[in-house]
Protein backbone atom coordinates (compact mmCIF):
# COMPACT_ATOMS: atom_id res chain seq x y z
CA MET A 1 38.37 -186.55 -102.09
CA GLU A 2 39.77 -183.69 -104.22
CA LEU A 3 38.78 -183.85 -107.90
CA LYS A 4 41.52 -183.87 -110.53
CA GLU A 5 42.03 -181.55 -113.46
CA ILE A 6 40.55 -182.75 -116.76
CA LYS A 7 42.60 -182.87 -119.95
CA CYS A 8 40.67 -182.51 -123.20
CA GLY A 9 41.26 -185.48 -125.49
CA SER A 10 40.68 -183.36 -128.58
CA CYS A 11 42.82 -180.24 -128.13
CA GLY A 12 44.90 -181.20 -125.07
CA HIS A 13 43.78 -178.20 -122.99
CA VAL A 14 43.93 -178.80 -119.21
CA ASN A 15 40.64 -177.76 -117.55
CA PRO A 16 39.83 -177.17 -113.84
CA PRO A 17 38.09 -179.97 -111.90
CA GLY A 18 34.36 -180.20 -112.60
CA THR A 19 34.52 -178.56 -116.05
CA GLN A 20 31.82 -179.84 -118.42
CA LEU A 21 32.92 -178.19 -121.67
CA CYS A 22 36.54 -177.76 -122.66
CA GLN A 23 37.47 -174.11 -122.17
CA SER A 24 39.47 -174.17 -125.38
CA CYS A 25 37.46 -176.10 -127.98
CA GLY A 26 34.04 -176.52 -126.34
CA LYS A 27 34.09 -180.33 -126.55
CA MET A 28 32.13 -182.12 -123.83
CA ILE A 29 34.75 -183.69 -121.59
CA ASN A 30 32.77 -184.98 -118.60
CA SER A 31 31.39 -188.40 -119.43
CA ASP A 32 29.21 -188.43 -116.30
CA TYR A 33 27.16 -185.46 -117.48
CA ASP A 34 23.72 -185.95 -119.03
CA LYS A 35 24.31 -184.90 -122.61
CA LYS A 36 20.63 -183.98 -123.13
CA LYS A 37 20.81 -181.18 -120.52
CA ILE A 38 21.96 -178.69 -123.11
CA LYS A 39 20.44 -175.58 -121.49
CA ASP A 40 21.85 -176.40 -118.07
CA LEU A 41 25.25 -177.12 -119.57
CA MET A 42 25.46 -173.79 -121.41
CA ARG A 43 24.18 -171.71 -118.46
CA TYR A 44 27.74 -171.30 -117.15
CA ASP A 45 29.44 -172.33 -120.40
CA GLY A 46 30.38 -175.65 -118.86
CA SER A 47 32.57 -173.99 -116.23
CA ALA A 48 33.40 -175.70 -112.96
CA ILE A 49 31.31 -174.45 -110.02
CA ARG A 50 32.90 -174.76 -106.59
CA SER A 51 29.77 -175.97 -104.81
CA LYS A 52 29.53 -178.90 -107.25
CA THR A 53 33.17 -179.92 -107.19
CA ARG A 54 34.32 -179.77 -103.56
CA SER A 55 32.73 -181.19 -100.43
CA THR A 56 35.57 -182.34 -98.18
CA SER A 57 36.07 -179.65 -95.53
CA ILE A 58 33.61 -178.05 -93.11
CA PHE A 59 33.99 -174.78 -95.04
CA ASP A 60 33.01 -176.59 -98.25
CA LYS A 61 29.91 -178.03 -96.61
CA ILE A 62 28.88 -174.61 -95.27
CA TRP A 63 29.56 -173.14 -98.71
CA ILE A 64 27.43 -175.80 -100.41
CA PHE A 65 24.61 -175.11 -97.90
CA PHE A 66 24.46 -171.38 -98.57
CA THR A 67 24.93 -171.69 -102.36
CA SER A 68 22.01 -174.10 -102.64
CA ILE A 69 19.06 -172.61 -104.51
CA LYS A 70 16.72 -174.74 -102.41
CA VAL A 71 18.14 -173.27 -99.21
CA GLY A 72 17.79 -169.72 -100.56
CA VAL A 73 14.19 -170.29 -101.61
CA SER A 74 13.41 -171.91 -98.24
CA ILE A 75 14.78 -168.87 -96.37
CA ILE A 76 12.67 -166.56 -98.55
CA LEU A 77 9.56 -168.66 -97.85
CA ILE A 78 10.20 -168.60 -94.09
CA ILE A 79 10.63 -164.81 -94.19
CA ALA A 80 7.44 -164.42 -96.24
CA ILE A 81 5.42 -166.67 -93.90
CA SER A 82 6.80 -164.86 -90.83
CA ALA A 83 5.92 -161.47 -92.32
CA SER A 84 2.40 -162.75 -93.06
CA ILE A 85 1.93 -163.93 -89.48
CA GLY A 86 3.21 -160.55 -88.30
CA THR A 87 0.20 -158.90 -89.96
CA LEU A 88 -2.39 -160.99 -88.07
CA PHE A 89 -2.33 -158.60 -85.10
CA PRO A 90 -1.06 -155.01 -84.87
CA GLN A 91 2.62 -154.50 -84.22
CA GLU A 92 3.60 -153.04 -80.84
CA TYR A 93 4.13 -149.66 -82.50
CA PHE A 94 0.38 -149.41 -83.21
CA ILE A 95 -1.06 -150.45 -79.84
CA PRO A 96 -2.31 -147.69 -77.48
CA VAL A 97 0.40 -145.52 -76.01
CA GLY A 98 1.42 -146.64 -72.52
CA SER A 99 -0.17 -150.09 -72.79
CA ASP A 100 1.74 -153.12 -71.54
CA PRO A 101 2.30 -155.22 -74.69
CA LEU A 102 1.91 -158.61 -73.03
CA GLN A 103 -1.27 -157.55 -71.28
CA TYR A 104 -2.67 -155.94 -74.42
CA TYR A 105 -2.15 -158.98 -76.66
CA THR A 106 -3.38 -161.41 -74.00
CA GLU A 107 -6.54 -159.45 -73.18
CA ASN A 108 -7.46 -158.75 -76.79
CA TYR A 109 -6.41 -161.97 -78.52
CA GLY A 110 -6.25 -164.58 -75.75
CA THR A 111 -3.76 -167.45 -75.79
CA ILE A 112 -2.87 -166.89 -79.45
CA GLY A 113 -2.10 -163.25 -78.66
CA ARG A 114 0.17 -164.24 -75.78
CA LEU A 115 2.00 -166.76 -78.02
CA TYR A 116 2.24 -164.04 -80.69
CA TYR A 117 4.00 -161.83 -78.13
CA GLU A 118 6.24 -164.55 -76.66
CA LEU A 119 7.56 -165.51 -80.12
CA GLY A 120 8.43 -161.91 -80.92
CA PHE A 121 5.86 -161.35 -83.67
CA HIS A 122 4.67 -158.17 -81.87
CA ASN A 123 7.95 -156.50 -82.86
CA LEU A 124 8.72 -158.72 -85.83
CA TYR A 125 11.19 -156.69 -87.85
CA SER A 126 13.54 -156.09 -84.92
CA SER A 127 13.28 -159.57 -83.36
CA TRP A 128 16.59 -161.44 -83.13
CA TRP A 129 15.44 -164.45 -85.15
CA PHE A 130 14.07 -162.31 -88.00
CA ILE A 131 17.37 -160.43 -88.19
CA ILE A 132 19.20 -163.79 -88.37
CA LEU A 133 16.91 -164.85 -91.25
CA ILE A 134 17.71 -161.63 -93.13
CA GLY A 135 21.42 -162.21 -92.52
CA MET A 136 21.18 -165.80 -93.78
CA LEU A 137 19.38 -164.61 -96.91
CA ALA A 138 22.13 -162.06 -97.54
CA LEU A 139 24.80 -164.76 -97.08
CA SER A 140 22.92 -167.08 -99.44
CA ILE A 141 22.72 -164.39 -102.14
CA ILE A 142 26.40 -163.47 -101.75
CA ALA A 143 27.60 -167.09 -101.78
CA ALA A 144 25.42 -168.08 -104.75
CA SER A 145 26.57 -165.02 -106.73
CA ILE A 146 30.25 -165.74 -106.10
CA ASP A 147 29.84 -169.47 -106.70
CA ARG A 148 28.26 -169.04 -110.11
CA GLY A 149 29.38 -165.54 -111.12
CA LEU A 150 33.15 -165.96 -110.95
CA PRO A 151 33.28 -169.09 -113.17
CA LEU A 152 30.96 -167.43 -115.64
CA LEU A 153 33.09 -164.29 -115.69
CA LYS A 154 36.25 -166.31 -116.38
CA SER A 155 34.51 -168.28 -119.10
CA LEU A 156 33.08 -165.27 -120.91
CA ARG A 157 36.35 -163.34 -120.70
CA ASN A 158 38.29 -166.20 -122.23
CA GLN A 159 35.89 -167.21 -124.99
CA ARG A 160 37.52 -168.75 -128.02
CA ALA A 161 36.21 -168.69 -131.53
CA LYS A 162 37.49 -172.19 -132.33
CA LYS A 163 35.06 -174.92 -131.28
CA HIS A 164 34.95 -178.68 -131.69
CA PRO A 165 32.49 -180.00 -134.33
CA SER A 166 30.44 -181.65 -131.60
CA PHE A 167 29.89 -178.23 -130.01
CA TYR A 168 28.07 -177.09 -133.17
CA LYS A 169 25.84 -180.15 -133.17
CA ARG A 170 24.93 -179.67 -129.54
CA GLN A 171 23.50 -176.17 -129.94
CA ARG A 172 19.78 -175.71 -130.40
CA LEU A 173 20.30 -173.61 -133.55
CA ASN A 174 22.74 -175.10 -136.05
CA LEU A 175 23.24 -175.59 -139.77
CA HIS A 176 25.75 -177.36 -142.06
CA GLN A 177 26.01 -176.50 -145.80
CA GLU A 178 28.65 -177.35 -148.39
CA ASN A 179 28.86 -173.87 -149.95
CA VAL A 180 31.52 -171.78 -148.19
CA SER A 181 31.80 -168.93 -150.68
CA ASN A 182 29.55 -166.51 -148.79
CA THR A 183 30.96 -166.98 -145.27
CA GLY A 184 32.53 -163.52 -145.24
CA SER A 185 29.30 -161.88 -146.39
CA VAL A 186 27.31 -163.56 -143.61
CA ILE A 187 29.80 -162.33 -141.02
CA GLU A 188 29.69 -158.76 -142.34
CA GLU A 189 25.89 -158.71 -142.28
CA LEU A 190 25.89 -159.92 -138.66
CA LYS A 191 28.41 -157.24 -137.69
CA LYS A 192 26.01 -154.64 -139.12
CA LYS A 193 23.41 -155.91 -136.62
CA GLY A 194 25.70 -155.03 -133.71
CA TYR A 195 27.53 -158.32 -133.25
CA LYS A 196 31.16 -158.06 -132.15
CA HIS A 197 33.49 -160.27 -134.18
CA LYS A 198 36.37 -162.44 -132.99
CA ALA A 199 38.28 -164.73 -135.37
CA ASP A 200 40.74 -167.58 -135.04
CA GLY A 201 41.75 -168.64 -138.53
CA SER A 202 38.64 -169.96 -140.25
CA HIS A 203 36.71 -169.98 -136.96
CA HIS A 204 34.55 -167.00 -136.00
CA LEU A 205 32.61 -165.88 -132.92
CA LEU A 206 29.99 -163.14 -133.14
CA GLU A 207 28.50 -161.87 -129.92
CA LYS A 208 26.23 -159.14 -128.54
CA GLY A 209 24.22 -158.51 -125.37
CA TRP A 210 27.02 -159.77 -123.09
CA LEU A 211 25.71 -157.55 -120.29
CA SER A 212 22.51 -159.60 -120.09
CA ARG A 213 24.37 -162.42 -118.36
CA TRP A 214 25.06 -160.07 -115.45
CA GLY A 215 21.46 -158.99 -114.94
CA PRO A 216 20.85 -161.55 -112.13
CA TYR A 217 24.14 -160.65 -110.44
CA ILE A 218 23.32 -156.94 -110.58
CA ASN A 219 19.98 -157.93 -109.04
CA HIS A 220 21.81 -159.77 -106.30
CA THR A 221 24.10 -156.79 -105.68
CA GLY A 222 21.07 -154.53 -105.29
CA LEU A 223 19.39 -156.98 -102.92
CA ILE A 224 22.54 -157.32 -100.82
CA ILE A 225 22.81 -153.53 -100.50
CA LEU A 226 19.10 -153.32 -99.67
CA LEU A 227 19.39 -156.02 -96.99
CA PHE A 228 22.53 -154.39 -95.62
CA GLY A 229 20.68 -151.08 -95.32
CA SER A 230 17.78 -152.81 -93.57
CA MET A 231 20.08 -154.46 -91.05
CA LEU A 232 21.83 -151.14 -90.36
CA ARG A 233 18.55 -149.94 -88.86
CA PHE A 234 19.31 -152.02 -85.79
CA PHE A 235 22.55 -150.16 -85.10
CA PRO A 236 22.28 -147.27 -82.61
CA GLY A 237 21.97 -143.87 -84.21
CA MET A 238 21.12 -145.16 -87.69
CA TYR A 239 17.34 -145.36 -87.33
CA VAL A 240 14.89 -143.74 -84.91
CA ASP A 241 11.12 -144.10 -84.87
CA GLU A 242 9.70 -143.08 -81.49
CA LEU A 243 6.57 -141.43 -80.11
CA VAL A 244 6.82 -138.17 -78.17
CA TYR A 245 3.85 -137.48 -75.86
CA ILE A 246 3.46 -133.81 -74.81
CA THR A 247 0.54 -132.25 -72.96
CA GLU A 248 -0.35 -128.61 -73.59
CA GLY A 249 2.08 -126.26 -71.90
CA GLU A 250 4.61 -129.00 -71.23
CA THR A 251 8.25 -128.91 -72.32
CA VAL A 252 9.97 -132.26 -72.85
CA GLN A 253 13.39 -133.47 -73.87
CA ILE A 254 13.50 -134.99 -77.33
CA PRO A 255 14.71 -138.60 -77.07
CA GLU A 256 17.81 -139.86 -78.90
CA THR A 257 19.35 -136.35 -78.91
CA GLY A 258 21.39 -136.68 -75.70
CA GLY A 259 19.57 -133.83 -73.99
CA GLN A 260 20.52 -131.32 -76.69
CA TYR A 261 17.01 -130.47 -77.86
CA TYR A 262 13.68 -129.77 -76.15
CA VAL A 263 10.22 -129.02 -77.48
CA GLU A 264 7.29 -127.21 -75.87
CA ASN A 265 3.64 -127.83 -76.76
CA ASN A 266 2.16 -124.32 -76.84
CA ASP A 267 -1.20 -125.34 -78.28
CA PHE A 268 -2.84 -128.32 -79.91
CA ILE A 269 -5.50 -127.61 -82.52
CA VAL A 270 -8.08 -129.97 -83.97
CA ASP A 271 -10.10 -128.60 -86.91
CA MET A 272 -13.31 -130.25 -88.10
CA TYR A 273 -14.90 -130.17 -91.53
CA ASP A 274 -17.94 -127.89 -91.78
CA GLU A 275 -20.79 -129.82 -93.38
CA ASN A 276 -22.35 -126.55 -94.53
CA ALA A 277 -19.22 -125.08 -96.08
CA GLY A 278 -20.64 -125.35 -99.60
CA THR A 279 -18.09 -127.88 -100.85
CA VAL A 280 -18.56 -131.12 -102.80
CA PHE A 281 -18.12 -133.04 -99.53
CA ASP A 282 -21.16 -131.56 -97.77
CA ASP A 283 -23.56 -134.42 -98.56
CA THR A 284 -21.03 -137.04 -97.51
CA LEU A 285 -20.30 -135.24 -94.25
CA GLN A 286 -24.01 -134.94 -93.45
CA ASN A 287 -24.52 -138.67 -94.06
CA THR A 288 -21.74 -139.70 -91.70
CA ASN A 289 -23.56 -138.26 -88.67
CA GLU A 290 -20.27 -137.56 -86.95
CA MET A 291 -17.56 -134.95 -86.89
CA VAL A 292 -14.72 -135.48 -89.37
CA THR A 293 -11.29 -134.08 -88.58
CA SER A 294 -9.72 -131.86 -91.24
CA ASN A 295 -6.47 -130.96 -89.50
CA TYR A 296 -4.28 -131.85 -86.53
CA GLN A 297 -1.80 -129.18 -85.60
CA THR A 298 0.70 -128.68 -82.79
CA ASP A 299 2.14 -125.23 -82.25
CA ILE A 300 5.58 -125.80 -80.76
CA THR A 301 8.57 -123.86 -79.52
CA PHE A 302 11.85 -125.59 -80.26
CA TYR A 303 14.76 -125.16 -77.85
CA GLU A 304 18.45 -126.04 -77.79
CA ASN A 305 20.10 -126.85 -74.45
CA GLN A 306 23.19 -124.68 -73.92
CA ASN A 307 24.30 -126.84 -70.95
CA LYS A 308 24.29 -130.13 -72.83
CA ASP A 309 27.97 -130.80 -72.17
CA VAL A 310 27.89 -129.71 -68.51
CA ILE A 311 27.37 -132.81 -66.36
CA GLY A 312 24.67 -132.37 -63.71
CA ALA A 313 23.68 -128.88 -64.86
CA SER A 314 20.05 -127.86 -65.26
CA PRO A 315 18.96 -127.32 -68.87
CA ASP A 316 19.65 -123.83 -70.18
CA LEU A 317 17.13 -123.64 -72.99
CA LYS A 318 17.68 -121.22 -75.84
CA LYS A 319 14.72 -120.69 -78.14
CA VAL A 320 15.43 -121.72 -81.72
CA GLU A 321 12.07 -121.00 -83.35
CA ASP A 322 8.30 -121.42 -83.25
CA TYR A 323 6.68 -123.81 -85.68
CA SER A 324 3.29 -125.38 -86.46
CA ILE A 325 3.52 -129.13 -87.05
CA GLN A 326 0.73 -130.50 -89.24
CA VAL A 327 0.06 -133.89 -90.80
CA ASN A 328 2.61 -134.37 -93.62
CA HIS A 329 4.33 -131.10 -92.63
CA PRO A 330 6.98 -132.17 -90.11
CA TYR A 331 9.48 -130.06 -88.24
CA ARG A 332 13.02 -130.86 -89.37
CA PHE A 333 16.19 -130.39 -87.37
CA ASP A 334 19.64 -131.94 -87.77
CA GLN A 335 18.91 -135.43 -89.14
CA PHE A 336 15.56 -135.74 -87.36
CA GLU A 337 11.94 -135.04 -88.25
CA LEU A 338 8.96 -134.51 -85.93
CA TYR A 339 5.68 -135.65 -87.49
CA GLN A 340 2.16 -135.07 -86.25
CA SER A 341 0.99 -138.58 -85.42
CA SER A 342 -2.16 -138.34 -83.28
CA TYR A 343 -3.53 -136.80 -80.11
CA ASP A 344 -4.91 -137.83 -76.75
CA ASN A 345 -7.50 -136.22 -74.48
CA SER A 346 -8.18 -139.16 -72.17
CA GLN A 347 -6.08 -137.80 -69.29
CA MET A 348 -7.96 -135.59 -66.85
CA LYS A 349 -6.63 -132.09 -66.23
CA SER A 350 -8.98 -130.83 -63.52
CA MET A 351 -12.19 -131.71 -61.68
CA THR A 352 -14.78 -129.29 -60.33
CA PHE A 353 -16.82 -130.06 -57.17
CA GLN A 354 -19.48 -128.45 -55.04
CA LEU A 355 -20.55 -128.93 -51.42
CA GLU A 356 -24.13 -129.88 -50.62
CA ASP A 357 -25.88 -130.21 -47.27
CA SER A 358 -28.17 -133.05 -46.24
CA ASN A 359 -31.11 -131.31 -47.96
CA GLY A 360 -29.27 -131.14 -51.29
CA GLU A 361 -28.72 -127.41 -51.08
CA VAL A 362 -25.46 -126.06 -52.46
CA VAL A 363 -23.19 -124.60 -49.82
CA GLY A 364 -20.61 -121.99 -50.77
CA GLU A 365 -18.90 -121.81 -54.14
CA GLN A 366 -17.70 -124.54 -56.45
CA PHE A 367 -14.00 -125.42 -56.26
CA THR A 368 -11.68 -126.86 -58.89
CA VAL A 369 -8.89 -129.37 -58.23
CA ASN A 370 -5.88 -129.21 -60.55
CA LEU A 371 -5.03 -132.91 -60.89
CA ASP A 372 -1.43 -132.24 -61.99
CA ASN A 373 -0.63 -130.18 -58.88
CA PRO A 374 -3.60 -130.20 -56.48
CA GLU A 375 -3.88 -127.71 -53.63
CA GLN A 376 -4.41 -129.04 -50.12
CA SER A 377 -7.11 -126.61 -49.00
CA TYR A 378 -10.08 -124.83 -50.66
CA ASP A 379 -12.00 -121.95 -49.03
CA ILE A 380 -15.48 -122.07 -50.54
CA GLY A 381 -17.06 -119.28 -48.50
CA GLU A 382 -19.84 -119.21 -45.86
CA GLY A 383 -17.25 -120.22 -43.29
CA MET A 384 -16.73 -123.62 -44.99
CA GLU A 385 -13.40 -125.14 -46.01
CA VAL A 386 -12.57 -128.34 -47.90
CA ASN A 387 -9.22 -129.97 -47.23
CA MET A 388 -7.69 -132.73 -49.34
CA ARG A 389 -6.33 -135.43 -47.04
CA ALA A 390 -5.42 -138.01 -49.70
CA TYR A 391 -5.30 -138.28 -53.48
CA ALA A 392 -4.68 -141.19 -55.92
CA PRO A 393 -4.57 -140.28 -59.62
CA ASP A 394 -5.28 -143.86 -60.82
CA PHE A 395 -7.11 -145.42 -57.88
CA VAL A 396 -6.92 -149.20 -57.37
CA GLU A 397 -7.68 -149.94 -53.72
CA ILE A 398 -7.26 -148.92 -50.09
CA ASP A 399 -4.41 -150.71 -48.35
CA GLU A 400 -4.48 -152.13 -44.81
CA ASN A 401 -3.25 -148.83 -43.39
CA GLY A 402 -6.08 -146.90 -45.00
CA ALA A 403 -3.90 -145.26 -47.70
CA LEU A 404 -5.12 -144.85 -51.28
CA ILE A 405 -3.15 -147.00 -53.78
CA SER A 406 -2.60 -145.62 -57.31
CA GLU A 407 -1.60 -147.91 -60.20
CA THR A 408 -0.06 -145.12 -62.30
CA PRO A 409 0.69 -141.41 -61.81
CA VAL A 410 -1.66 -140.54 -64.69
CA ALA A 411 -5.05 -139.12 -63.71
CA THR A 412 -7.36 -141.62 -65.39
CA ASN A 413 -9.37 -142.82 -62.34
CA PRO A 414 -8.82 -140.27 -59.58
CA ALA A 415 -9.96 -140.75 -55.98
CA PHE A 416 -9.89 -138.28 -53.06
CA VAL A 417 -10.35 -138.17 -49.32
CA PHE A 418 -11.91 -134.78 -48.52
CA GLU A 419 -12.28 -133.22 -45.10
CA VAL A 420 -15.18 -130.74 -44.77
CA THR A 421 -14.89 -128.34 -41.82
CA ASP A 422 -16.75 -125.28 -40.55
CA GLY A 423 -14.08 -124.45 -37.99
CA ASP A 424 -15.80 -126.27 -35.12
CA SER A 425 -16.29 -129.76 -36.51
CA SER A 426 -15.09 -131.81 -39.47
CA GLU A 427 -16.14 -134.87 -41.42
CA LEU A 428 -14.37 -137.11 -43.95
CA SER A 429 -15.59 -138.73 -47.15
CA LEU A 430 -14.01 -140.83 -49.95
CA LEU A 431 -14.87 -139.54 -53.39
CA GLN A 432 -14.33 -141.52 -56.58
CA VAL A 433 -15.58 -140.85 -60.06
CA MET A 434 -19.37 -141.41 -59.91
CA LEU A 435 -19.14 -142.68 -56.33
CA SER A 436 -19.01 -141.05 -52.86
CA THR A 437 -18.56 -142.92 -49.56
CA ASP A 438 -18.77 -141.42 -46.08
CA ILE A 439 -15.81 -142.23 -43.87
CA THR A 440 -17.14 -140.57 -40.70
CA GLN A 441 -20.67 -141.40 -39.53
CA ASP A 442 -23.74 -139.21 -40.03
CA ASN A 443 -22.06 -136.72 -42.33
CA GLU A 444 -24.03 -133.49 -42.74
CA TYR A 445 -22.27 -132.47 -45.94
CA SER A 446 -21.29 -134.26 -49.14
CA VAL A 447 -18.87 -133.31 -51.89
CA LYS A 448 -20.42 -133.73 -55.35
CA PHE A 449 -18.69 -133.97 -58.72
CA VAL A 450 -19.78 -131.25 -61.17
CA GLU A 451 -17.57 -131.47 -64.25
CA ASN A 452 -14.06 -132.19 -65.47
CA GLU A 453 -11.64 -130.85 -68.02
CA ASN A 454 -9.24 -133.12 -69.90
CA HIS A 455 -5.72 -132.46 -71.06
CA TRP A 456 -5.13 -132.04 -74.75
CA ALA A 457 -1.93 -133.88 -75.53
CA THR A 458 -0.20 -134.19 -78.86
CA VAL A 459 1.48 -137.38 -79.97
CA LEU A 460 4.41 -136.67 -82.27
CA THR A 461 6.57 -139.20 -84.09
CA LEU A 462 10.32 -138.63 -84.03
CA LYS A 463 11.98 -140.08 -87.12
CA LYS A 464 15.55 -140.42 -88.25
CA ASP A 465 16.62 -142.74 -91.04
CA LEU A 466 20.22 -142.71 -92.25
CA THR A 467 19.68 -146.04 -93.99
CA LEU A 468 17.15 -144.77 -96.52
CA PRO A 469 19.75 -143.64 -99.12
CA ILE A 470 21.41 -147.08 -98.87
CA ILE A 471 18.10 -148.90 -99.24
CA ALA A 472 17.06 -146.66 -102.14
CA THR A 473 20.41 -147.26 -103.88
CA GLY A 474 20.00 -151.02 -103.49
CA PHE A 475 16.48 -150.84 -104.90
CA VAL A 476 17.58 -148.79 -107.92
CA ILE A 477 20.43 -151.23 -108.63
CA PHE A 478 17.97 -154.12 -108.31
CA LEU A 479 15.66 -152.49 -110.90
CA ILE A 480 18.60 -151.88 -113.25
CA GLY A 481 19.57 -155.56 -112.99
CA LEU A 482 15.96 -156.59 -113.56
CA THR A 483 15.75 -154.42 -116.67
CA ILE A 484 19.04 -155.73 -118.06
CA GLY A 485 18.15 -159.35 -117.39
CA SER A 486 14.65 -159.00 -118.84
CA TYR A 487 15.18 -156.94 -121.99
CA ILE A 488 18.72 -157.71 -123.17
CA ASN A 489 19.60 -161.08 -124.68
CA HIS A 490 23.09 -162.54 -124.77
CA ARG A 491 23.44 -163.88 -128.32
CA ARG A 492 26.43 -165.82 -129.64
CA ILE A 493 26.98 -167.21 -133.12
CA TRP A 494 29.85 -169.54 -134.10
CA ILE A 495 30.83 -169.95 -137.75
CA ASN A 496 33.58 -171.97 -139.44
CA ASP A 497 34.21 -173.03 -143.02
CA GLU A 498 36.91 -175.69 -142.59
CA ASP A 499 34.63 -178.52 -143.73
CA GLY A 500 31.77 -176.74 -145.43
CA PHE A 501 29.78 -173.86 -143.97
CA ASN A 502 28.96 -174.54 -140.29
CA ILE A 503 26.96 -172.19 -138.08
CA SER A 504 25.48 -172.63 -134.62
CA ALA A 505 23.94 -170.15 -132.19
CA HIS A 506 23.05 -169.86 -128.53
CA THR A 507 21.16 -167.32 -126.43
CA ASN A 508 20.13 -167.18 -122.80
CA LYS A 509 16.58 -166.29 -123.85
CA ASN A 510 14.41 -165.62 -126.91
CA TYR A 511 15.64 -168.10 -129.49
CA PHE A 512 12.88 -166.87 -131.79
CA GLY A 513 14.50 -163.41 -131.89
CA LEU A 514 17.94 -164.88 -132.49
CA LYS A 515 16.61 -166.97 -135.37
CA LYS A 516 15.05 -163.84 -136.88
CA ASP A 517 18.50 -162.22 -136.76
CA ILE A 518 20.15 -165.07 -138.63
CA ASP A 519 17.60 -166.42 -141.16
CA PRO A 520 17.30 -163.32 -143.41
CA ILE A 521 21.08 -163.09 -143.67
CA LEU A 522 21.43 -166.79 -144.52
CA GLU A 523 18.65 -166.57 -147.07
CA LYS A 524 20.20 -163.48 -148.66
CA ASN A 525 23.49 -165.36 -149.08
CA GLY A 526 21.96 -168.50 -150.56
CA TYR A 527 21.78 -170.67 -147.44
CA GLU A 528 18.86 -172.47 -145.88
CA HIS A 529 17.26 -171.22 -142.67
CA ILE A 530 19.11 -172.30 -139.56
CA PHE A 531 17.81 -175.53 -138.03
CA ASP A 532 15.94 -175.17 -134.72
CA ARG A 533 16.09 -178.50 -132.96
CA ASP A 534 13.37 -177.61 -130.42
CA ALA A 535 10.95 -176.76 -133.21
CA LYS A 536 10.98 -180.41 -134.25
CA ASP A 537 9.49 -183.38 -132.48
CA GLN A 538 10.73 -183.21 -128.89
CA ASN A 539 10.73 -186.99 -128.65
CA GLU A 540 13.37 -187.36 -131.34
CA SER A 541 16.82 -188.15 -130.04
CA VAL A 542 19.39 -185.39 -129.99
CA ASN A 543 22.60 -186.04 -131.87
CA THR A 544 25.37 -184.99 -129.48
CA ASP A 545 27.87 -187.76 -130.24
CA GLU A 546 31.39 -186.74 -129.32
CA GLU A 547 33.53 -187.43 -132.32
């Protein structure tokens, strides 16, 4: 049922549905309102708020839902609880490179870890349901700001100096005196304190700090911009945060650049602190009993692909420059940055073997197998040759056909089938790390592992964030609104001398400061201090009779 307009019985002004105080004279015109809720009534100057006056259509019900303070607070609590749960285990970004997320969380954290993954907490801030929560919070802030801000704006823009006598009685600070001779002097003194003056005959309104009422709405604007910037991160091209894994000597295409840029890892350097360097850290370093890294550095060559726009063409790389990437000293290009993140030396680069006879004597020379591109045959001298018949970089098992099965192409658990031949006879053996098994019977020779060399790989982080200026702008606006709302007070004083000297005052905060503004001026002009109703016994009834 649509509410009707309300006509003021005192001045005849027609007010919108739901209005509590007459927009013209300030008389309370809604008999259903609790007359003791003075602070709540003056928060929006008695203006009609849409969410409290209409509830007939589906749109109205949706509007009421999103403008509800309880709903907004509930969404914030859900977001806060979700973010807290997201810190229980590391986010997917921080788990070991190349690990399967589901397997990692299940193996390390059991059933709870698997549930953590299934519900999307492993990648919380980009999960669909978290994005929906952020969107709902933004809608709640926007709806609440419009619902309360527009009526307040209309009310404050159309303030009238003339108020009904009951309006004076209803204010927390008020005073009635018979002497009207010094009314003009009081007004002039208040104007000297920065109050703006508006008059309607013998009725006066003095006001300052109007901007304070907009502090919360400036806050909301900043939050909306901040949330908008955060949500933009999920749009392609707006935000990039990826790891780039490059072994020494390798050249790789930089992701998210469409094949335009490549980077080569010329050298990876790890520097350690010297515990005898004569610095203030020497004692601490000696007590740690371990090496402490002082610097990670990747020496790179940066290339631009000249054939980027030629479909199917091989990259034509043109050197741009050489650069040394260090921690907190990224390489910048276009809108991207390459940061030194970490390093990895767990991947094997080569393995060295030697051939021994049944007496344990070394036969021939040692030979080295390049695990990235192994040779098929090795001449070790003394008429002996070792041939590689099979190779699995990450050995799992032998299938029914006798072939070696590899789980991944990365050399983390290599296995070989070697053939040893002297030209007349040959024998086969399966060699794994720390394990050798004869395939042919009564082998005279055995291949023994001597040593290995690991790859040094750098792990770089590719970053691009076009949303940061938007987020920073929202944050600055939020702080401005917080400052305005916290340190500026909206103070209004109404004075009339139609029937004696009448003064009342209202502020959105700090009544003590407002009273300190008024009392010295009243005392100087021969009036008593203004009456503060809340300073008296709170149990006494409040006189708000509508005359």
